[in-house]
Amino acid sequence: MPGSGAGDLRHRVTFAKPDSTTDEYGNVSQGWADQFTVSANIMPRLGGETVEAARLAGRQPAIVRVRQSPDTKLIRTDWKATDQVSGTVYNIRTIADPNLGDVEHGKYFDMLAESGVAI
């Protein structure tokens, strides 16, 4: 991708992983535990619409690029990413090093993410 320098990481994104808690009655509730916030580049892709539960639902895929670090190496496909400015929540679908096999290997992670879907 052209221009993948630090200046392209203009967004602040918080990553959260699933977390469950048990109350004093043994009830388990699912939630999210924020892990860290990093600079990222969010590149929207062509979206689409699907019919879910007899309603039209819009999906907006995006590529979220972050620098590789000890924190970002922990990200998994069951995590979510939240843009701190817009509040858009993205479901992480895949994560990969886009430069595998060349001199840029180990610098960035690209994640295919979707907003407008169940997290």
C-alpha atoms as a PDB file:
ATOM      1  CA  MET A   1       0.000   0.000   0.000  1.00  0.00           C
ATOM      2  CA  PRO A   2       1.496   3.353  -0.925  1.00  0.00           C
ATOM      3  CA  GLY A   3       2.225   5.779   1.861  1.00  0.00           C
ATOM      4  CA  SER A   4       2.222   3.461   4.837  1.00  0.00           C
ATOM      5  CA  GLY A   5       4.245   5.779   7.061  1.00  0.00           C
ATOM      6  CA  ALA A   6       3.352   7.022  10.523  1.00  0.00           C
ATOM      7  CA  GLY A   7       1.507  10.023   9.072  1.00  0.00           C
ATOM      8  CA  ASP A   8      -1.139   7.688   7.628  1.00  0.00           C
ATOM      9  CA  LEU A   9      -2.082   6.369  11.078  1.00  0.00           C
ATOM     10  CA  ARG A  10      -4.495   9.234  11.759  1.00  0.00           C
ATOM     11  CA  HIS A  11      -7.165   7.430  13.779  1.00  0.00           C
ATOM     12  CA  ARG A  12      -7.138   6.394  17.430  1.00  0.00           C
ATOM     13  CA  VAL A  13      -8.629   2.941  17.842  1.00  0.00           C
ATOM     14  CA  THR A  14      -9.374   1.070  21.063  1.00  0.00           C
ATOM     15  CA  PHE A  15      -9.266  -2.717  20.929  1.00  0.00           C
ATOM     16  CA  ALA A  16     -11.374  -4.785  23.319  1.00  0.00           C
ATOM     17  CA  LYS A  17     -11.656  -8.508  23.911  1.00  0.00           C
ATOM     18  CA  PRO A  18     -14.704 -10.458  25.105  1.00  0.00           C
ATOM     19  CA  ASP A  19     -15.061 -10.663  28.848  1.00  0.00           C
ATOM     20  CA  SER A  20     -17.546 -12.508  31.023  1.00  0.00           C
ATOM     21  CA  THR A  21     -18.386 -11.774  34.627  1.00  0.00           C
ATOM     22  CA  THR A  22     -20.327 -13.787  37.186  1.00  0.00           C
ATOM     23  CA  ASP A  23     -22.506 -12.095  39.786  1.00  0.00           C
ATOM     24  CA  GLU A  24     -23.187 -13.344  43.318  1.00  0.00           C
ATOM     25  CA  TYR A  25     -26.110 -15.468  42.036  1.00  0.00           C
ATOM     26  CA  GLY A  26     -24.016 -17.293  39.452  1.00  0.00           C
ATOM     27  CA  ASN A  27     -25.414 -15.407  36.463  1.00  0.00           C
ATOM     28  CA  VAL A  28     -22.868 -14.925  33.693  1.00  0.00           C
ATOM     29  CA  SER A  29     -22.966 -11.732  31.658  1.00  0.00           C
ATOM     30  CA  GLN A  30     -20.940 -11.071  28.548  1.00  0.00           C
ATOM     31  CA  GLY A  31     -19.181  -7.786  28.001  1.00  0.00           C
ATOM     32  CA  TRP A  32     -16.002  -6.235  26.661  1.00  0.00           C
ATOM     33  CA  ALA A  33     -12.701  -5.440  28.334  1.00  0.00           C
ATOM     34  CA  ASP A  34     -10.725  -2.618  26.721  1.00  0.00           C
ATOM     35  CA  GLN A  35      -7.110  -3.671  26.219  1.00  0.00           C
ATOM     36  CA  PHE A  36      -5.265  -0.753  24.605  1.00  0.00           C
ATOM     37  CA  THR A  37      -5.609   2.238  22.267  1.00  0.00           C
ATOM     38  CA  VAL A  38      -3.269   2.716  19.296  1.00  0.00           C
ATOM     39  CA  SER A  39      -2.909   4.845  16.184  1.00  0.00           C
ATOM     40  CA  ALA A  40      -4.415   3.252  13.096  1.00  0.00           C
ATOM     41  CA  ASN A  41      -5.397   3.849   9.499  1.00  0.00           C
ATOM     42  CA  ILE A  42      -9.001   2.958   8.632  1.00  0.00           C
ATOM     43  CA  MET A  43      -9.601   2.430   4.914  1.00  0.00           C
ATOM     44  CA  PRO A  44     -13.276   1.840   4.017  1.00  0.00           C
ATOM     45  CA  ARG A  45     -14.031  -0.686   1.283  1.00  0.00           C
ATOM     46  CA  LEU A  46     -17.140  -1.199  -0.812  1.00  0.00           C
ATOM     47  CA  GLY A  47     -19.992  -2.175   1.471  1.00  0.00           C
ATOM     48  CA  GLY A  48     -23.199  -4.061   0.900  1.00  0.00           C
ATOM     49  CA  GLU A  49     -26.632  -4.741   2.243  1.00  0.00           C
ATOM     50  CA  THR A  50     -28.131  -8.004   3.370  1.00  0.00           C
ATOM     51  CA  VAL A  51     -31.543  -9.019   4.645  1.00  0.00           C
ATOM     52  CA  GLU A  52     -31.358 -10.173   8.256  1.00  0.00           C
ATOM     53  CA  ALA A  53     -34.448 -11.007  10.295  1.00  0.00           C
ATOM     54  CA  ALA A  54     -36.618  -9.501   7.522  1.00  0.00           C
ATOM     55  CA  ARG A  55     -34.775  -6.174   7.745  1.00  0.00           C
ATOM     56  CA  LEU A  56     -32.246  -4.590   5.446  1.00  0.00           C
ATOM     57  CA  ALA A  57     -28.861  -4.309   7.181  1.00  0.00           C
ATOM     58  CA  GLY A  58     -25.928  -2.291   5.846  1.00  0.00           C
ATOM     59  CA  ARG A  59     -22.421  -3.663   6.245  1.00  0.00           C
ATOM     60  CA  GLN A  60     -19.332  -1.532   5.832  1.00  0.00           C
ATOM     61  CA  PRO A  61     -16.073  -3.458   5.482  1.00  0.00           C
ATOM     62  CA  ALA A  62     -12.802  -1.656   6.172  1.00  0.00           C
ATOM     63  CA  ILE A  63      -9.117  -2.391   6.426  1.00  0.00           C
ATOM     64  CA  VAL A  64      -7.692  -1.314   9.784  1.00  0.00           C
ATOM     65  CA  ARG A  65      -3.893  -0.971   9.736  1.00  0.00           C
ATOM     66  CA  VAL A  66      -1.852  -0.778  12.966  1.00  0.00           C
ATOM     67  CA  ARG A  67       1.847  -1.033  13.753  1.00  0.00           C
ATOM     68  CA  GLN A  68       3.013  -4.378  15.035  1.00  0.00           C
ATOM     69  CA  SER A  69       3.796  -4.267  18.746  1.00  0.00           C
ATOM     70  CA  PRO A  70       3.560  -6.629  21.710  1.00  0.00           C
ATOM     71  CA  ASP A  71      -0.006  -5.323  22.261  1.00  0.00           C
ATOM     72  CA  THR A  72      -1.234  -5.616  18.680  1.00  0.00           C
ATOM     73  CA  LYS A  73       0.183  -9.149  18.400  1.00  0.00           C
ATOM     74  CA  LEU A  74      -2.500 -10.150  20.942  1.00  0.00           C
ATOM     75  CA  ILE A  75      -5.446  -9.144  18.697  1.00  0.00           C
ATOM     76  CA  ARG A  76      -7.704 -12.048  17.696  1.00  0.00           C
ATOM     77  CA  THR A  77     -10.741 -12.384  15.440  1.00  0.00           C
ATOM     78  CA  ASP A  78     -13.170 -12.372  18.377  1.00  0.00           C
ATOM     79  CA  TRP A  79     -12.059  -8.838  19.379  1.00  0.00           C
ATOM     80  CA  LYS A  80     -13.614  -5.528  18.388  1.00  0.00           C
ATOM     81  CA  ALA A  81     -12.102  -2.179  17.439  1.00  0.00           C
ATOM     82  CA  THR A  82     -13.705   1.193  18.207  1.00  0.00           C
ATOM     83  CA  ASP A  83     -12.783   4.419  16.397  1.00  0.00           C
ATOM     84  CA  GLN A  84     -12.390   6.968  19.201  1.00  0.00           C
ATOM     85  CA  VAL A  85     -13.530   9.950  17.101  1.00  0.00           C
ATOM     86  CA  SER A  86     -16.532   8.580  15.214  1.00  0.00           C
ATOM     87  CA  GLY A  87     -17.506   5.892  17.736  1.00  0.00           C
ATOM     88  CA  THR A  88     -17.781   3.331  14.932  1.00  0.00           C
ATOM     89  CA  VAL A  89     -17.389  -0.215  16.201  1.00  0.00           C
ATOM     90  CA  TYR A  90     -15.717  -2.784  13.955  1.00  0.00           C
ATOM     91  CA  ASN A  91     -15.878  -6.555  14.221  1.00  0.00           C
ATOM     92  CA  ILE A  92     -12.414  -7.978  13.454  1.00  0.00           C
ATOM     93  CA  ARG A  93     -12.720 -10.680  10.771  1.00  0.00           C
ATOM     94  CA  THR A  94      -9.082 -11.428   9.863  1.00  0.00           C
ATOM     95  CA  ILE A  95      -5.621 -10.195  10.807  1.00  0.00           C
ATOM     96  CA  ALA A  96      -2.451 -10.585   8.749  1.00  0.00           C
ATOM     97  CA  ASP A  97       0.945  -9.078   8.031  1.00  0.00           C
ATOM     98  CA  PRO A  98       0.427  -7.497   4.585  1.00  0.00           C
ATOM     99  CA  ASN A  99       4.152  -7.527   3.849  1.00  0.00           C
ATOM    100  CA  LEU A 100       4.896 -11.165   4.570  1.00  0.00           C
ATOM    101  CA  GLY A 101       8.005 -12.139   2.648  1.00  0.00           C
ATOM    102  CA  ASP A 102       9.424  -8.697   1.835  1.00  0.00           C
ATOM    103  CA  VAL A 103      11.584  -6.082   3.576  1.00  0.00           C
ATOM    104  CA  GLU A 104       8.544  -4.406   5.190  1.00  0.00           C
ATOM    105  CA  HIS A 105       7.617  -7.656   6.987  1.00  0.00           C
ATOM    106  CA  GLY A 106       6.961  -7.172  10.705  1.00  0.00           C
ATOM    107  CA  LYS A 107       5.968  -3.496  10.576  1.00  0.00           C
ATOM    108  CA  TYR A 108       2.172  -3.526  10.267  1.00  0.00           C
ATOM    109  CA  PHE A 109      -0.931  -5.657  10.706  1.00  0.00           C
ATOM    110  CA  ASP A 110      -3.895  -5.261   8.356  1.00  0.00           C
ATOM    111  CA  MET A 111      -7.263  -6.350   9.679  1.00  0.00           C
ATOM    112  CA  LEU A 112     -10.384  -6.923   7.644  1.00  0.00           C
ATOM    113  CA  ALA A 113     -13.109  -5.473   9.842  1.00  0.00           C
ATOM    114  CA  GLU A 114     -16.842  -4.778   9.447  1.00  0.00           C
ATOM    115  CA  SER A 115     -19.112  -2.211  10.985  1.00  0.00           C
ATOM    116  CA  GLY A 116     -22.893  -2.518  10.958  1.00  0.00           C
ATOM    117  CA  VAL A 117     -22.809  -6.169  12.013  1.00  0.00           C
ATOM    118  CA  ALA A 118     -23.353  -7.976  15.291  1.00  0.00           C
ATOM    119  CA  ILE A 119     -20.262  -7.798  17.468  1.00  0.00           C
END
